[in-house]
Amino acid sequence: MRRQRSAICSSSKRTMKGDSLELARDFLEKIINYIRDPIFVKDSQHRLILINDAECALAGRTREELLGKTDYDFFPKEQVDIFWQKDDEVLETGKENINEEEITDAQGRHRIIVTKKTLYTDRTGNKYIVGIIRDITERKQAENALRDAHDRLELRVKERTAELDAINRQYHLEIIERKRMEEELKQHKKQLIERVKELEEFYNLAVGRELRMIELKKEIDQLKADSEKKKNQ
């Protein structure tokens, strides 16, 4: 009778413990499924042992299809090589790892993600990788668009600066040319004034000579007239 009671109590305890574990697991799954970012837990062999709905959507597989499998079963090898490299770093060092990565989702779209991985070790020493993924594709696209706009603006500023420099150089050359022409005009004006003075002096000299010759002619004519008068007397 005592053995029967003991067996019943032991069975009840196991049932209660099993129910508690099931409730705890169900609660955990509901909690992680409320999180929009993909969440996963891997064992030391990189096999998925816990995932949320967002991880299923990313891989395009059901939970049953994913559990017990590795990333190589769903994603391109060149991408998974990097995933596993970071997994091994976490398993070996125990340090948290945050890495920006590329992944191709179930629809074949190229996505940019940041994956944060930490190490969990249970009571028996088994190691697990706990990871959460944040899709930053739209942010990266916005950053790239902003960078492109900045580069275009910077190029336009450089072009405009070059145009202004060319205009300034041309303006400077025009000023130099204008000053040169003004200096030439000043020299020409000076030379012209000097030439006019020379012509005036020459004219005055020539006119003076002409007047002197006229006076001399008058004097000669007068002398001739006087000479004729004396002869006639």
Protein backbone atom coordinates (compact mmCIF):
# COMPACT_ATOMS: atom_id res chain seq x y z
CA MET A 1 0.00 0.00 0.00
CA ARG A 2 2.81 2.32 0.92
CA ARG A 3 4.61 1.44 -2.30
CA GLN A 4 1.47 2.20 -4.27
CA ARG A 5 1.07 5.55 -2.59
CA SER A 6 4.73 6.35 -3.16
CA ALA A 7 4.45 5.45 -6.82
CA ILE A 8 1.34 7.59 -7.16
CA CYS A 9 3.05 10.56 -5.48
CA SER A 10 6.14 10.14 -7.64
CA SER A 11 4.01 9.93 -10.77
CA SER A 12 2.06 13.01 -9.71
CA LYS A 13 5.25 14.95 -9.12
CA ARG A 14 6.59 13.98 -12.52
CA THR A 15 3.31 14.98 -14.11
CA MET A 16 3.30 18.31 -12.33
CA LYS A 17 6.95 18.90 -13.23
CA GLY A 18 6.25 17.98 -16.84
CA ASP A 19 3.23 20.26 -16.90
CA SER A 20 5.29 23.09 -15.41
CA LEU A 21 8.01 22.64 -18.01
CA GLU A 22 5.45 22.57 -20.77
CA LEU A 23 3.80 25.72 -19.42
CA ALA A 24 7.16 27.44 -19.10
CA ARG A 25 8.14 26.49 -22.65
CA ASP A 26 4.77 27.60 -23.97
CA PHE A 27 5.12 30.91 -22.11
CA LEU A 28 8.64 31.41 -23.48
CA GLU A 29 7.52 30.73 -27.05
CA LYS A 30 4.65 33.19 -26.73
CA ILE A 31 6.99 35.85 -25.36
CA ILE A 32 9.62 35.51 -28.12
CA ASN A 33 6.91 35.38 -30.79
CA TYR A 34 5.77 38.83 -29.71
CA ILE A 35 9.20 40.13 -30.65
CA ARG A 36 9.32 41.22 -34.28
CA ASP A 37 13.06 40.65 -34.66
CA PRO A 38 14.14 37.09 -35.51
CA ILE A 39 15.37 35.19 -32.44
CA PHE A 40 17.17 31.84 -32.42
CA VAL A 41 19.03 29.49 -30.10
CA LYS A 42 21.66 27.10 -31.46
CA ASP A 43 23.52 24.26 -29.80
CA SER A 44 27.29 23.81 -30.07
CA GLN A 45 26.76 21.98 -33.40
CA HIS A 46 25.03 25.06 -34.85
CA ARG A 47 21.66 23.29 -34.87
CA LEU A 48 18.56 25.36 -34.23
CA ILE A 49 16.77 24.31 -31.05
CA LEU A 50 14.57 27.35 -30.44
CA ILE A 51 13.22 29.99 -32.82
CA ASN A 52 10.45 32.56 -33.00
CA ASP A 53 7.95 33.30 -35.75
CA ALA A 54 10.09 36.12 -37.17
CA GLU A 55 12.98 33.68 -37.71
CA CYS A 56 10.61 31.31 -39.50
CA ALA A 57 9.45 34.15 -41.75
CA LEU A 58 13.05 35.12 -42.54
CA ALA A 59 13.96 31.57 -43.58
CA GLY A 60 10.59 30.96 -45.23
CA ARG A 61 10.15 27.68 -43.35
CA THR A 62 7.88 26.34 -40.62
CA ARG A 63 9.18 25.80 -37.11
CA GLU A 64 9.13 22.04 -37.66
CA GLU A 65 11.24 22.42 -40.81
CA LEU A 66 13.83 24.56 -39.05
CA LEU A 67 14.33 22.90 -35.69
CA GLY A 68 17.28 20.53 -35.65
CA LYS A 69 18.63 21.99 -38.91
CA THR A 70 21.52 24.40 -39.54
CA ASP A 71 21.77 27.62 -41.54
CA TYR A 72 23.37 25.74 -44.44
CA ASP A 73 20.01 24.05 -45.06
CA PHE A 74 18.33 27.38 -45.89
CA PHE A 75 20.80 30.15 -46.72
CA PRO A 76 23.65 30.63 -49.26
CA LYS A 77 26.95 29.03 -48.23
CA GLU A 78 29.01 32.23 -48.55
CA GLN A 79 26.67 33.92 -46.07
CA VAL A 80 26.49 30.99 -43.63
CA ASP A 81 30.30 30.70 -43.58
CA ILE A 82 30.34 34.09 -41.89
CA PHE A 83 27.48 33.17 -39.53
CA TRP A 84 29.32 30.07 -38.33
CA GLN A 85 32.62 31.93 -37.97
CA LYS A 86 30.92 34.31 -35.53
CA ASP A 87 29.16 31.39 -33.82
CA ASP A 88 32.52 29.73 -33.18
CA GLU A 89 33.99 32.94 -31.79
CA VAL A 90 31.17 33.14 -29.25
CA LEU A 91 31.48 29.43 -28.35
CA GLU A 92 35.25 29.68 -27.92
CA THR A 93 35.56 33.03 -26.16
CA GLY A 94 32.22 33.38 -24.42
CA LYS A 95 32.18 37.02 -25.48
CA GLU A 96 29.19 38.77 -27.01
CA ASN A 97 29.45 39.33 -30.74
CA ILE A 98 27.67 41.98 -32.79
CA ASN A 99 28.18 41.80 -36.53
CA GLU A 100 26.74 43.46 -39.62
CA GLU A 101 25.97 40.79 -42.20
CA GLU A 102 24.23 40.08 -45.48
CA ILE A 103 21.46 37.54 -45.84
CA THR A 104 19.07 36.44 -48.58
CA ASP A 105 15.52 36.00 -47.26
CA ALA A 106 12.87 33.50 -48.35
CA GLN A 107 11.72 35.82 -51.15
CA GLY A 108 15.26 36.04 -52.53
CA ARG A 109 15.68 39.62 -51.38
CA HIS A 110 19.10 40.79 -50.33
CA ARG A 111 18.94 42.09 -46.77
CA ILE A 112 21.40 43.81 -44.46
CA ILE A 113 21.21 42.62 -40.86
CA VAL A 114 22.93 43.15 -37.53
CA THR A 115 23.18 39.94 -35.51
CA LYS A 116 23.85 39.98 -31.77
CA LYS A 117 25.03 36.67 -30.31
CA THR A 118 25.69 35.72 -26.68
CA LEU A 119 26.70 32.47 -24.99
CA TYR A 120 24.49 30.53 -22.57
CA THR A 121 25.92 27.58 -20.65
CA ASP A 122 23.53 25.30 -18.75
CA ARG A 123 24.16 23.46 -15.46
CA THR A 124 25.66 20.46 -17.23
CA GLY A 125 28.11 22.58 -19.25
CA ASN A 126 26.28 22.48 -22.57
CA LYS A 127 26.85 25.63 -24.58
CA TYR A 128 24.20 27.45 -26.59
CA ILE A 129 24.26 30.49 -28.82
CA VAL A 130 21.42 32.93 -28.22
CA GLY A 131 20.97 35.32 -31.12
CA ILE A 132 18.72 38.17 -32.19
CA ILE A 133 18.66 39.70 -35.66
CA ARG A 134 17.81 43.30 -36.55
CA ASP A 135 17.01 44.05 -40.21
CA ILE A 136 18.68 47.38 -41.06
CA THR A 137 18.15 47.22 -44.82
CA GLU A 138 15.91 50.29 -44.97
CA ARG A 139 18.24 52.22 -42.68
CA LYS A 140 21.24 51.32 -44.84
CA GLN A 141 19.31 52.30 -47.96
CA ALA A 142 18.45 55.63 -46.34
CA GLU A 143 22.09 56.10 -45.32
CA ASN A 144 23.24 55.28 -48.84
CA ALA A 145 20.68 57.65 -50.33
CA LEU A 146 21.78 60.36 -47.91
CA ARG A 147 25.43 59.69 -48.72
CA ASP A 148 24.70 59.79 -52.46
CA ALA A 149 22.82 63.07 -52.01
CA HIS A 150 25.72 64.42 -49.96
CA ASP A 151 28.21 63.31 -52.62
CA ARG A 152 26.13 64.91 -55.36
CA LEU A 153 25.85 68.11 -53.35
CA GLU A 154 29.57 68.08 -52.62
CA LEU A 155 30.28 67.53 -56.32
CA ARG A 156 27.94 70.38 -57.23
CA VAL A 157 29.65 72.62 -54.68
CA LYS A 158 33.05 71.71 -56.14
CA GLU A 159 31.78 72.39 -59.66
CA ARG A 160 30.22 75.69 -58.59
CA THR A 161 33.39 76.62 -56.72
CA ALA A 162 35.43 75.83 -59.84
CA GLU A 163 33.03 77.96 -61.91
CA LEU A 164 33.35 80.85 -59.46
CA ASP A 165 37.13 80.47 -59.43
CA ALA A 166 37.14 80.58 -63.23
CA ILE A 167 34.89 83.67 -63.18
CA ASN A 168 37.13 85.30 -60.59
CA ARG A 169 40.22 84.52 -62.64
CA GLN A 170 38.57 85.89 -65.76
CA TYR A 171 37.46 88.97 -63.84
CA HIS A 172 40.98 89.41 -62.50
CA LEU A 173 42.39 89.09 -66.01
CA GLU A 174 39.86 91.62 -67.28
CA ILE A 175 40.89 94.04 -64.54
CA ILE A 176 44.55 93.57 -65.44
CA GLU A 177 43.74 94.05 -69.14
CA ARG A 178 41.64 97.14 -68.36
CA LYS A 179 44.47 98.63 -66.31
CA ARG A 180 46.90 97.86 -69.12
CA MET A 181 44.63 99.53 -71.65
CA GLU A 182 44.14 102.53 -69.36
CA GLU A 183 47.89 102.82 -68.98
CA GLU A 184 48.34 102.58 -72.73
CA LEU A 185 45.68 105.22 -73.27
CA LYS A 186 47.39 107.43 -70.72
CA GLN A 187 50.70 107.00 -72.53
CA HIS A 188 49.06 107.64 -75.90
CA LYS A 189 47.37 110.73 -74.53
CA LYS A 190 50.66 111.95 -73.12
CA GLN A 191 52.41 111.28 -76.43
CA LEU A 192 49.58 112.98 -78.33
CA ILE A 193 49.80 116.08 -76.12
CA GLU A 194 53.54 116.18 -76.61
CA ARG A 195 53.07 115.80 -80.37
CA VAL A 196 50.47 118.57 -80.42
CA LYS A 197 52.89 120.81 -78.56
CA GLU A 198 55.59 120.01 -81.05
CA LEU A 199 53.23 120.78 -83.92
CA GLU A 200 52.18 124.02 -82.28
CA GLU A 201 55.82 125.01 -81.82
CA PHE A 202 56.56 124.04 -85.41
CA TYR A 203 53.50 125.95 -86.62
CA ASN A 204 54.40 128.98 -84.61
CA LEU A 205 57.95 128.83 -85.88
CA ALA A 206 56.77 128.41 -89.47
CA VAL A 207 54.27 131.24 -89.16
CA GLY A 208 56.92 133.42 -87.57
CA ARG A 209 59.26 132.77 -90.46
CA GLU A 210 56.53 133.50 -92.96
CA LEU A 211 55.71 136.79 -91.28
CA ARG A 212 59.39 137.67 -91.16
CA MET A 213 59.71 136.95 -94.86
CA ILE A 214 56.71 139.13 -95.60
CA GLU A 215 58.25 141.97 -93.61
CA LEU A 216 61.58 141.48 -95.35
CA LYS A 217 59.83 141.55 -98.72
CA LYS A 218 58.09 144.77 -97.78
CA GLU A 219 61.40 146.26 -96.70
CA ILE A 220 63.01 145.19 -99.99
CA ASP A 221 60.13 146.62 -101.99
CA GLN A 222 60.40 149.84 -100.05
CA LEU A 223 64.13 150.02 -100.70
CA LYS A 224 63.55 149.44 -104.40
CA ALA A 225 60.93 152.17 -104.49
CA ASP A 226 63.20 154.58 -102.72
CA SER A 227 66.03 153.70 -105.12
CA GLU A 228 63.85 154.41 -108.17
CA LYS A 229 62.82 157.77 -106.80
CA LYS A 230 66.42 158.81 -106.35
CA LYS A 231 67.27 157.82 -109.90
CA ASN A 232 64.42 159.85 -111.30
CA GLN A 233 65.51 162.98 -109.41
